[in-house]
PDB file of N, CA and C in Angstrom:
ATOM      1  N   UNK A   1      49.292  -1.901 -17.682  1.00  0.00           N
ATOM      2  CA  UNK A   1      49.381  -1.219 -17.050  1.00  0.00           C
ATOM      3  C   UNK A   1      48.805  -1.276 -16.076  1.00  0.00           C
ATOM      4  N   UNK A   2      48.611   0.035 -14.697  1.00  0.00           N
ATOM      5  CA  UNK A   2      47.990  -1.157 -13.461  1.00  0.00           C
ATOM      6  C   UNK A   2      47.607   0.295 -13.048  1.00  0.00           C
ATOM      7  N   UNK A   3      47.034   0.645 -12.168  1.00  0.00           N
ATOM      8  CA  UNK A   3      46.593   1.841 -10.507  1.00  0.00           C
ATOM      9  C   UNK A   3      46.908   1.323  -9.907  1.00  0.00           C
ATOM     10  N   UNK A   4      48.012   1.791  -9.077  1.00  0.00           N
ATOM     11  CA  UNK A   4      48.265   2.230  -7.535  1.00  0.00           C
ATOM     12  C   UNK A   4      48.185   3.178  -6.921  1.00  0.00           C
ATOM     13  N   UNK A   5      48.274   2.863  -5.227  1.00  0.00           N
ATOM     14  CA  UNK A   5      47.374   3.954  -4.680  1.00  0.00           C
ATOM     15  C   UNK A   5      46.735   3.563  -3.432  1.00  0.00           C
ATOM     16  N   UNK A   6      46.244   3.783  -2.603  1.00  0.00           N
ATOM     17  CA  UNK A   6      46.515   5.277  -2.480  1.00  0.00           C
ATOM     18  C   UNK A   6      47.870   5.866  -1.488  1.00  0.00           C
ATOM     19  N   UNK A   7      48.342   5.024  -0.844  1.00  0.00           N
ATOM     20  CA  UNK A   7      49.450   5.235  -0.270  1.00  0.00           C
ATOM     21  C   UNK A   7      50.688   5.400  -1.252  1.00  0.00           C
ATOM     22  N   UNK A   8      51.024   6.390  -1.611  1.00  0.00           N
ATOM     23  CA  UNK A   8      51.839   6.590  -3.190  1.00  0.00           C
ATOM     24  C   UNK A   8      52.897   7.401  -2.432  1.00  0.00           C
ATOM     25  N   UNK A   9      54.484   6.742  -2.807  1.00  0.00           N
ATOM     26  CA  UNK A   9      55.727   7.489  -1.941  1.00  0.00           C
ATOM     27  C   UNK A   9      56.622   7.397  -2.976  1.00  0.00           C
ATOM     28  N   UNK A  10      56.022   8.586  -4.150  1.00  0.00           N
ATOM     29  CA  UNK A  10      56.910   8.280  -5.486  1.00  0.00           C
ATOM     30  C   UNK A  10      56.971   9.670  -5.398  1.00  0.00           C
ATOM     31  N   UNK A  11      57.186  10.962  -4.796  1.00  0.00           N
ATOM     32  CA  UNK A  11      57.189  12.224  -5.082  1.00  0.00           C
ATOM     33  C   UNK A  11      57.849  12.797  -6.348  1.00  0.00           C
ATOM     34  N   UNK A  12      59.316  12.689  -6.436  1.00  0.00           N
ATOM     35  CA  UNK A  12      59.847  12.683  -7.276  1.00  0.00           C
ATOM     36  C   UNK A  12      58.927  12.592  -8.952  1.00  0.00           C
ATOM     37  N   UNK A  13      58.418  11.148  -8.601  1.00  0.00           N
ATOM     38  CA  UNK A  13      57.908  10.547 -10.458  1.00  0.00           C
ATOM     39  C   UNK A  13      56.997  11.798 -10.415  1.00  0.00           C
ATOM     40  N   UNK A  14      56.230  11.858  -9.439  1.00  0.00           N
ATOM     41  CA  UNK A  14      55.034  13.070  -9.489  1.00  0.00           C
ATOM     42  C   UNK A  14      55.665  14.154 -10.212  1.00  0.00           C
ATOM     43  N   UNK A  15      56.503  14.333  -9.510  1.00  0.00           N
ATOM     44  CA  UNK A  15      57.037  16.143 -10.235  1.00  0.00           C
ATOM     45  C   UNK A  15      57.364  16.089 -11.098  1.00  0.00           C
ATOM     46  N   UNK A  16      58.008  14.753 -11.700  1.00  0.00           N
ATOM     47  CA  UNK A  16      58.479  14.484 -13.236  1.00  0.00           C
ATOM     48  C   UNK A  16      57.302  15.024 -14.136  1.00  0.00           C
ATOM     49  N   UNK A  17      55.602  14.451 -13.503  1.00  0.00           N
ATOM     50  CA  UNK A  17      54.712  14.185 -14.826  1.00  0.00           C
ATOM     51  C   UNK A  17      54.023  15.953 -14.520  1.00  0.00           C
ATOM     52  N   UNK A  18      53.987  16.441 -13.379  1.00  0.00           N
ATOM     53  CA  UNK A  18      53.567  17.928 -13.691  1.00  0.00           C
ATOM     54  C   UNK A  18      54.803  18.577 -14.346  1.00  0.00           C
ATOM     55  N   UNK A  19      56.256  18.450 -14.259  1.00  0.00           N
ATOM     56  CA  UNK A  19      56.773  18.972 -15.122  1.00  0.00           C
ATOM     57  C   UNK A  19      56.829  18.983 -16.541  1.00  0.00           C
ATOM     58  N   UNK A  20      56.158  17.750 -17.186  1.00  0.00           N
ATOM     59  CA  UNK A  20      56.062  17.168 -18.155  1.00  0.00           C
ATOM     60  C   UNK A  20      55.163  18.389 -19.239  1.00  0.00           C
ATOM     61  N   UNK A  21      54.002  19.178 -18.074  1.00  0.00           N
ATOM     62  CA  UNK A  21      53.250  19.773 -18.518  1.00  0.00           C
ATOM     63  C   UNK A  21      52.594  21.354 -18.140  1.00  0.00           C
ATOM     64  N   UNK A  22      53.749  21.730 -18.582  1.00  0.00           N
ATOM     65  CA  UNK A  22      54.223  23.890 -18.089  1.00  0.00           C
ATOM     66  C   UNK A  22      53.230  24.598 -18.335  1.00  0.00           C
ATOM     67  N   UNK A  23      52.363  24.169 -19.405  1.00  0.00           N
ATOM     68  CA  UNK A  23      51.241  25.434 -19.641  1.00  0.00           C
ATOM     69  C   UNK A  23      49.940  24.614 -18.680  1.00  0.00           C
ATOM     70  N   UNK A  24      49.757  23.847 -17.640  1.00  0.00           N
ATOM     71  CA  UNK A  24      49.075  23.719 -16.857  1.00  0.00           C
ATOM     72  C   UNK A  24      49.594  23.655 -15.155  1.00  0.00           C
ATOM     73  N   UNK A  25      51.259  23.646 -15.353  1.00  0.00           N
ATOM     74  CA  UNK A  25      51.630  23.414 -13.775  1.00  0.00           C
ATOM     75  C   UNK A  25      53.026  24.309 -13.682  1.00  0.00           C
ATOM     76  N   UNK A  26      53.152  25.736 -14.141  1.00  0.00           N
ATOM     77  CA  UNK A  26      54.259  26.504 -14.686  1.00  0.00           C
ATOM     78  C   UNK A  26      54.823  27.130 -13.383  1.00  0.00           C
ATOM     79  N   UNK A  27      53.539  27.651 -12.193  1.00  0.00           N
ATOM     80  CA  UNK A  27      54.133  27.844 -11.032  1.00  0.00           C
ATOM     81  C   UNK A  27      54.764  26.926 -10.054  1.00  0.00           C
ATOM     82  N   UNK A  28      55.511  27.297  -9.787  1.00  0.00           N
ATOM     83  CA  UNK A  28      56.876  26.022  -9.354  1.00  0.00           C
ATOM     84  C   UNK A  28      56.305  26.064  -7.867  1.00  0.00           C
ATOM     85  N   UNK A  29      56.112  27.284  -7.532  1.00  0.00           N
ATOM     86  CA  UNK A  29      55.392  27.107  -5.699  1.00  0.00           C
ATOM     87  C   UNK A  29      54.463  25.854  -5.461  1.00  0.00           C
ATOM     88  N   UNK A  30      53.541  26.186  -6.505  1.00  0.00           N
ATOM     89  CA  UNK A  30      52.368  25.144  -6.550  1.00  0.00           C
ATOM     90  C   UNK A  30      52.788  23.886  -6.899  1.00  0.00           C
ATOM     91  N   UNK A  31      53.412  23.569  -8.080  1.00  0.00           N
ATOM     92  CA  UNK A  31      53.959  22.231  -8.592  1.00  0.00           C
ATOM     93  C   UNK A  31      54.882  21.704  -7.309  1.00  0.00           C
ATOM     94  N   UNK A  32      56.102  22.179  -6.553  1.00  0.00           N
ATOM     95  CA  UNK A  32      56.656  21.318  -5.916  1.00  0.00           C
ATOM     96  C   UNK A  32      54.974  20.965  -4.437  1.00  0.00           C
ATOM     97  N   UNK A  33      53.775  22.111  -4.118  1.00  0.00           N
ATOM     98  CA  UNK A  33      53.709  21.262  -3.595  1.00  0.00           C
ATOM     99  C   UNK A  33      52.319  20.590  -3.600  1.00  0.00           C
ATOM    100  N   UNK A  34      52.072  20.610  -5.253  1.00  0.00           N
ATOM    101  CA  UNK A  34      51.161  18.934  -5.741  1.00  0.00           C
ATOM    102  C   UNK A  34      52.268  18.013  -5.301  1.00  0.00           C
ATOM    103  N   UNK A  35      53.474  18.098  -6.178  1.00  0.00           N
ATOM    104  CA  UNK A  35      54.692  17.266  -6.029  1.00  0.00           C
ATOM    105  C   UNK A  35      54.373  16.088  -4.455  1.00  0.00           C
ATOM    106  N   UNK A  36      54.962  17.467  -3.403  1.00  0.00           N
ATOM    107  CA  UNK A  36      55.089  17.114  -2.033  1.00  0.00           C
ATOM    108  C   UNK A  36      53.385  16.353  -1.067  1.00  0.00           C
ATOM    109  N   UNK A  37      52.120  16.544  -2.027  1.00  0.00           N
ATOM    110  CA  UNK A  37      51.621  16.291  -1.234  1.00  0.00           C
ATOM    111  C   UNK A  37      50.562  15.134  -1.705  1.00  0.00           C
ATOM    112  N   UNK A  38      51.262  14.982  -3.045  1.00  0.00           N
ATOM    113  CA  UNK A  38      50.814  13.217  -3.577  1.00  0.00           C
ATOM    114  C   UNK A  38      51.539  12.433  -2.845  1.00  0.00           C
ATOM    115  N   UNK A  39      52.802  12.417  -1.980  1.00  0.00           N
ATOM    116  CA  UNK A  39      53.073  11.710  -0.897  1.00  0.00           C
ATOM    117  C   UNK A  39      51.994  11.517   0.672  1.00  0.00           C
ATOM    118  N   UNK A  40      51.357  12.669   1.407  1.00  0.00           N
ATOM    119  CA  UNK A  40      51.080  12.985   1.730  1.00  0.00           C
ATOM    120  C   UNK A  40      49.140  12.891   1.675  1.00  0.00           C
ATOM    121  N   UNK A  41      48.702  13.138   0.750  1.00  0.00           N
ATOM    122  CA  UNK A  41      47.455  12.765   0.543  1.00  0.00           C
ATOM    123  C   UNK A  41      46.965  11.212   0.177  1.00  0.00           C
ATOM    124  N   UNK A  42      46.137  10.814   0.279  1.00  0.00           N
ATOM    125  CA  UNK A  42      45.535   9.735  -0.519  1.00  0.00           C
ATOM    126  C   UNK A  42      45.802  10.023  -2.528  1.00  0.00           C
ATOM    127  N   UNK A  43      46.611   9.086  -2.980  1.00  0.00           N
ATOM    128  CA  UNK A  43      47.247   9.583  -4.247  1.00  0.00           C
ATOM    129  C   UNK A  43      47.226   8.028  -5.375  1.00  0.00           C
ATOM    130  N   UNK A  44      46.696   8.049  -6.109  1.00  0.00           N
ATOM    131  CA  UNK A  44      46.281   6.808  -6.921  1.00  0.00           C
ATOM    132  C   UNK A  44      47.257   7.171  -8.542  1.00  0.00           C
ATOM    133  N   UNK A  45      47.800   6.608  -9.268  1.00  0.00           N
ATOM    134  CA  UNK A  45      48.402   6.439 -10.102  1.00  0.00           C
ATOM    135  C   UNK A  45      48.242   5.534 -11.023  1.00  0.00           C
ATOM    136  N   UNK A  46      48.923   5.614 -12.110  1.00  0.00           N
ATOM    137  CA  UNK A  46      48.581   4.590 -13.611  1.00  0.00           C
ATOM    138  C   UNK A  46      50.153   4.646 -14.119  1.00  0.00           C
ATOM    139  N   UNK A  47      50.741   3.545 -13.370  1.00  0.00           N
ATOM    140  CA  UNK A  47      51.491   2.547 -14.016  1.00  0.00           C
ATOM    141  C   UNK A  47      51.803   1.268 -14.661  1.00  0.00           C
ATOM    142  N   UNK A  48      52.719   1.682 -15.882  1.00  0.00           N
ATOM    143  CA  UNK A  48      53.335   1.280 -16.969  1.00  0.00           C
ATOM    144  C   UNK A  48      54.679   0.720 -17.225  1.00  0.00           C
ATOM    145  N   UNK A  49      55.208   0.124 -16.909  1.00  0.00           N
ATOM    146  CA  UNK A  49      56.538  -0.605 -16.672  1.00  0.00           C
ATOM    147  C   UNK A  49      57.355   0.119 -15.766  1.00  0.00           C
ATOM    148  N   UNK A  50      56.815  -0.149 -14.462  1.00  0.00           N
ATOM    149  CA  UNK A  50      57.298   0.887 -13.360  1.00  0.00           C
ATOM    150  C   UNK A  50      57.207   2.094 -13.828  1.00  0.00           C
ATOM    151  N   UNK A  51      56.605   2.682 -14.221  1.00  0.00           N
ATOM    152  CA  UNK A  51      56.996   4.326 -14.732  1.00  0.00           C
ATOM    153  C   UNK A  51      55.709   4.386 -14.489  1.00  0.00           C
ATOM    154  N   UNK A  52      55.435   5.950 -13.811  1.00  0.00           N
ATOM    155  CA  UNK A  52      54.453   6.544 -13.327  1.00  0.00           C
ATOM    156  C   UNK A  52      54.097   7.267 -15.031  1.00  0.00           C
ATOM    157  N   UNK A  53      52.537   7.416 -15.432  1.00  0.00           N
ATOM    158  CA  UNK A  53      52.007   8.004 -16.582  1.00  0.00           C
ATOM    159  C   UNK A  53      51.447   9.206 -15.785  1.00  0.00           C
ATOM    160  N   UNK A  54      50.695   9.293 -14.936  1.00  0.00           N
ATOM    161  CA  UNK A  54      49.748   9.850 -14.138  1.00  0.00           C
ATOM    162  C   UNK A  54      49.678   9.757 -13.183  1.00  0.00           C
ATOM    163  N   UNK A  55      48.658  10.942 -12.448  1.00  0.00           N
ATOM    164  CA  UNK A  55      48.241  10.307 -11.011  1.00  0.00           C
ATOM    165  C   UNK A  55      47.239  11.318 -10.306  1.00  0.00           C
ATOM    166  N   UNK A  56      46.732  10.989  -9.559  1.00  0.00           N
ATOM    167  CA  UNK A  56      45.674  11.989  -9.328  1.00  0.00           C
ATOM    168  C   UNK A  56      45.736  11.855  -7.415  1.00  0.00           C
ATOM    169  N   UNK A  57      45.640  13.036  -7.081  1.00  0.00           N
ATOM    170  CA  UNK A  57      45.622  13.043  -5.192  1.00  0.00           C
ATOM    171  C   UNK A  57      44.024  13.604  -4.817  1.00  0.00           C
ATOM    172  N   UNK A  58      43.956  13.423  -3.476  1.00  0.00           N
ATOM    173  CA  UNK A  58      42.431  13.425  -3.228  1.00  0.00           C
ATOM    174  C   UNK A  58      42.372  14.212  -2.107  1.00  0.00           C
ATOM    175  N   UNK A  59      41.651  15.128  -1.332  1.00  0.00           N
ATOM    176  CA  UNK A  59      41.457  15.745  -0.280  1.00  0.00           C
ATOM    177  C   UNK A  59      40.526  16.009   0.372  1.00  0.00           C
ATOM    178  N   UNK A  60      40.764  15.540   1.348  1.00  0.00           N
ATOM    179  CA  UNK A  60      39.282  15.718   2.213  1.00  0.00           C
ATOM    180  C   UNK A  60      38.753  16.730   3.140  1.00  0.00           C
ATOM    181  N   UNK A  61      37.503  17.477   3.040  1.00  0.00           N
ATOM    182  CA  UNK A  61      37.201  18.521   3.648  1.00  0.00           C
ATOM    183  C   UNK A  61      35.964  18.219   4.516  1.00  0.00           C
ATOM    184  N   UNK A  62      35.582  17.055   4.352  1.00  0.00           N
ATOM    185  CA  UNK A  62      34.896  16.383   5.312  1.00  0.00           C
ATOM    186  C   UNK A  62      34.186  15.368   5.260  1.00  0.00           C
ATOM    187  N   UNK A  63      33.938  14.491   6.110  1.00  0.00           N
ATOM    188  CA  UNK A  63      34.228  12.752   6.286  1.00  0.00           C
ATOM    189  C   UNK A  63      33.512  12.449   5.028  1.00  0.00           C
ATOM    190  N   UNK A  64      32.277  13.239   4.269  1.00  0.00           N
ATOM    191  CA  UNK A  64      31.458  13.192   3.497  1.00  0.00           C
ATOM    192  C   UNK A  64      31.661  13.872   2.289  1.00  0.00           C
ATOM    193  N   UNK A  65      32.708  14.704   2.362  1.00  0.00           N
ATOM    194  CA  UNK A  65      33.112  15.762   1.341  1.00  0.00           C
ATOM    195  C   UNK A  65      34.309  15.498   1.040  1.00  0.00           C
ATOM    196  N   UNK A  66      35.224  15.270  -0.278  1.00  0.00           N
ATOM    197  CA  UNK A  66      36.045  15.508  -0.811  1.00  0.00           C
ATOM    198  C   UNK A  66      36.472  16.114  -2.019  1.00  0.00           C
ATOM    199  N   UNK A  67      37.773  16.395  -2.156  1.00  0.00           N
ATOM    200  CA  UNK A  67      37.633  16.966  -3.715  1.00  0.00           C
ATOM    201  C   UNK A  67      39.410  16.670  -4.343  1.00  0.00           C
ATOM    202  N   UNK A  68      38.915  16.492  -5.999  1.00  0.00           N
ATOM    203  CA  UNK A  68      40.266  16.517  -6.561  1.00  0.00           C
ATOM    204  C   UNK A  68      41.371  17.178  -6.270  1.00  0.00           C
ATOM    205  N   UNK A  69      42.699  16.876  -5.623  1.00  0.00           N
ATOM    206  CA  UNK A  69      43.427  18.116  -5.256  1.00  0.00           C
ATOM    207  C   UNK A  69      44.176  17.951  -6.956  1.00  0.00           C
ATOM    208  N   UNK A  70      44.791  17.054  -7.269  1.00  0.00           N
ATOM    209  CA  UNK A  70      45.341  17.523  -8.115  1.00  0.00           C
ATOM    210  C   UNK A  70      45.349  16.016  -9.116  1.00  0.00           C
ATOM    211  N   UNK A  71      45.239  16.352 -10.396  1.00  0.00           N
ATOM    212  CA  UNK A  71      45.385  15.004 -11.533  1.00  0.00           C
ATOM    213  C   UNK A  71      45.950  15.578 -12.453  1.00  0.00           C
ATOM    214  N   UNK A  72      46.921  14.575 -13.005  1.00  0.00           N
ATOM    215  CA  UNK A  72      48.085  15.121 -13.971  1.00  0.00           C
ATOM    216  C   UNK A  72      48.397  13.401 -15.108  1.00  0.00           C
ATOM    217  N   UNK A  73      48.589  13.800 -16.512  1.00  0.00           N
ATOM    218  CA  UNK A  73      49.034  12.581 -16.852  1.00  0.00           C
ATOM    219  C   UNK A  73      49.699  13.406 -17.465  1.00  0.00           C
ATOM    220  N   UNK A  74      51.234  12.573 -18.052  1.00  0.00           N
ATOM    221  CA  UNK A  74      52.325  13.401 -18.752  1.00  0.00           C
ATOM    222  C   UNK A  74      51.874  13.711 -20.212  1.00  0.00           C
ATOM    223  N   UNK A  75      52.809  14.583 -20.110  1.00  0.00           N
ATOM    224  CA  UNK A  75      52.453  14.991 -21.693  1.00  0.00           C
ATOM    225  C   UNK A  75      52.423  14.027 -22.613  1.00  0.00           C
ATOM    226  N   UNK A  76      53.641  12.770 -22.973  1.00  0.00           N
ATOM    227  CA  UNK A  76      53.177  12.250 -23.802  1.00  0.00           C
ATOM    228  C   UNK A  76      52.379  11.069 -23.680  1.00  0.00           C
ATOM    229  N   UNK A  77      51.409  11.169 -22.481  1.00  0.00           N
ATOM    230  CA  UNK A  77      50.544  10.000 -22.465  1.00  0.00           C
ATOM    231  C   UNK A  77      49.627  10.331 -22.475  1.00  0.00           C
ATOM    232  N   UNK A  78      49.459  11.951 -22.774  1.00  0.00           N
ATOM    233  CA  UNK A  78      47.803  12.396 -22.445  1.00  0.00           C
ATOM    234  C   UNK A  78      46.860  11.731 -23.649  1.00  0.00           C
ATOM    235  N   UNK A  79      45.917  12.382 -23.771  1.00  0.00           N
ATOM    236  CA  UNK A  79      44.406  11.661 -24.895  1.00  0.00           C
ATOM    237  C   UNK A  79      44.617  10.518 -25.041  1.00  0.00           C
ATOM    238  N   UNK A  80      44.955   9.178 -23.861  1.00  0.00           N
ATOM    239  CA  UNK A  80      44.943   7.769 -24.398  1.00  0.00           C
ATOM    240  C   UNK A  80      44.122   7.171 -22.857  1.00  0.00           C
ATOM    241  N   UNK A  81      43.562   8.108 -22.237  1.00  0.00           N
ATOM    242  CA  UNK A  81      42.580   7.119 -21.492  1.00  0.00           C
ATOM    243  C   UNK A  81      42.782   7.132 -19.624  1.00  0.00           C
ATOM    244  N   UNK A  82      44.111   7.564 -19.740  1.00  0.00           N
ATOM    245  CA  UNK A  82      44.708   7.584 -18.636  1.00  0.00           C
ATOM    246  C   UNK A  82      44.150   8.294 -17.283  1.00  0.00           C
ATOM    247  N   UNK A  83      43.531   9.533 -17.646  1.00  0.00           N
ATOM    248  CA  UNK A  83      42.547  10.194 -16.546  1.00  0.00           C
ATOM    249  C   UNK A  83      41.268   9.818 -16.093  1.00  0.00           C
ATOM    250  N   UNK A  84      41.065   9.262 -17.336  1.00  0.00           N
ATOM    251  CA  UNK A  84      39.530   8.313 -17.649  1.00  0.00           C
ATOM    252  C   UNK A  84      39.617   6.978 -16.207  1.00  0.00           C
ATOM    253  N   UNK A  85      40.417   6.565 -16.162  1.00  0.00           N
ATOM    254  CA  UNK A  85      40.541   5.491 -15.907  1.00  0.00           C
ATOM    255  C   UNK A  85      40.853   5.436 -14.305  1.00  0.00           C
ATOM    256  N   UNK A  86      41.618   7.317 -13.991  1.00  0.00           N
ATOM    257  CA  UNK A  86      41.805   7.036 -12.391  1.00  0.00           C
ATOM    258  C   UNK A  86      40.761   7.767 -11.651  1.00  0.00           C
ATOM    259  N   UNK A  87      40.271   8.550 -12.561  1.00  0.00           N
ATOM    260  CA  UNK A  87      39.060   9.204 -11.783  1.00  0.00           C
ATOM    261  C   UNK A  87      37.756   8.127 -11.106  1.00  0.00           C
ATOM    262  N   UNK A  88      37.563   7.193 -11.785  1.00  0.00           N
ATOM    263  CA  UNK A  88      36.124   6.461 -11.800  1.00  0.00           C
ATOM    264  C   UNK A  88      36.508   5.251 -10.558  1.00  0.00           C
ATOM    265  N   UNK A  89      38.209   4.819 -10.130  1.00  0.00           N
ATOM    266  CA  UNK A  89      39.146   4.228  -9.457  1.00  0.00           C
ATOM    267  C   UNK A  89      38.589   5.194  -8.248  1.00  0.00           C
ATOM    268  N   UNK A  90      39.487   6.198  -8.569  1.00  0.00           N
ATOM    269  CA  UNK A  90      39.220   6.887  -7.263  1.00  0.00           C
ATOM    270  C   UNK A  90      37.740   7.265  -6.510  1.00  0.00           C
ATOM    271  N   UNK A  91      36.931   7.658  -7.257  1.00  0.00           N
ATOM    272  CA  UNK A  91      35.531   7.329  -7.074  1.00  0.00           C
ATOM    273  C   UNK A  91      34.975   5.836  -6.458  1.00  0.00           C
ATOM    274  N   UNK A  92      35.597   4.768  -6.751  1.00  0.00           N
ATOM    275  CA  UNK A  92      35.059   3.746  -6.599  1.00  0.00           C
ATOM    276  C   UNK A  92      35.976   3.630  -4.421  1.00  0.00           C
ATOM    277  N   UNK A  93      36.818   4.243  -4.779  1.00  0.00           N
ATOM    278  CA  UNK A  93      37.876   3.993  -2.996  1.00  0.00           C
ATOM    279  C   UNK A  93      37.194   5.056  -2.206  1.00  0.00           C
ATOM    280  N   UNK A  94      36.475   5.974  -2.665  1.00  0.00           N
ATOM    281  CA  UNK A  94      35.727   6.905  -1.765  1.00  0.00           C
ATOM    282  C   UNK A  94      34.004   6.154  -1.308  1.00  0.00           C
ATOM    283  N   UNK A  95      34.105   6.022  -2.386  1.00  0.00           N
ATOM    284  CA  UNK A  95      32.481   5.428  -1.696  1.00  0.00           C
ATOM    285  C   UNK A  95      32.541   4.033  -1.381  1.00  0.00           C
ATOM    286  N   UNK A  96      33.548   3.416  -1.314  1.00  0.00           N
ATOM    287  CA  UNK A  96      34.370   2.265  -0.111  1.00  0.00           C
ATOM    288  C   UNK A  96      33.836   2.875   1.031  1.00  0.00           C
ATOM    289  N   UNK A  97      34.465   4.168   1.326  1.00  0.00           N
ATOM    290  CA  UNK A  97      34.144   4.768   3.064  1.00  0.00           C
ATOM    291  C   UNK A  97      33.455   5.752   3.209  1.00  0.00           C
ATOM    292  N   UNK A  98      32.217   5.691   2.284  1.00  0.00           N
ATOM    293  CA  UNK A  98      30.972   6.425   2.577  1.00  0.00           C
ATOM    294  C   UNK A  98      31.159   8.131   2.166  1.00  0.00           C
ATOM    295  N   UNK A  99      31.714   8.510   1.210  1.00  0.00           N
ATOM    296  CA  UNK A  99      32.212   9.729   0.609  1.00  0.00           C
ATOM    297  C   UNK A  99      30.888   9.934  -0.355  1.00  0.00           C
ATOM    298  N   UNK A 100      29.992  10.679   0.170  1.00  0.00           N
ATOM    299  CA  UNK A 100      28.388  11.334  -0.853  1.00  0.00           C
ATOM    300  C   UNK A 100      29.353  12.183  -1.762  1.00  0.00           C
ATOM    301  N   UNK A 101      30.759  13.477  -1.439  1.00  0.00           N
ATOM    302  CA  UNK A 101      30.504  14.694  -2.694  1.00  0.00           C
ATOM    303  C   UNK A 101      32.009  14.683  -2.907  1.00  0.00           C
ATOM    304  N   UNK A 102      32.248  14.404  -4.468  1.00  0.00           N
ATOM    305  CA  UNK A 102      33.483  14.457  -5.028  1.00  0.00           C
ATOM    306  C   UNK A 102      32.937  16.189  -5.740  1.00  0.00           C
ATOM    307  N   UNK A 103      34.428  16.702  -5.132  1.00  0.00           N
ATOM    308  CA  UNK A 103      34.516  18.159  -6.357  1.00  0.00           C
ATOM    309  C   UNK A 103      35.583  18.213  -6.921  1.00  0.00           C
TER     310      UNK A 103
END
């Protein structure tokens, strides 16, 4: 298992992650937006055996203030700590860039 990113060009795989979670991502337009944004925004993903198990996208509001735009872990990989790995990885990346706030 590795964390890849922040330049992730695997929109269709991120879409598949979102589609595995219909209770959280059941609005089609929003689901497609999050998938598209994964290719435009800084996005980190947990990859195992060349397959994305989950991802986290970040969005800048100001140079010192960013937000978690989307985080999703496939239904089958939930509750295994993958999201817990992604968040501190993204935080470290932001700290290296002088970001002070993450919401």
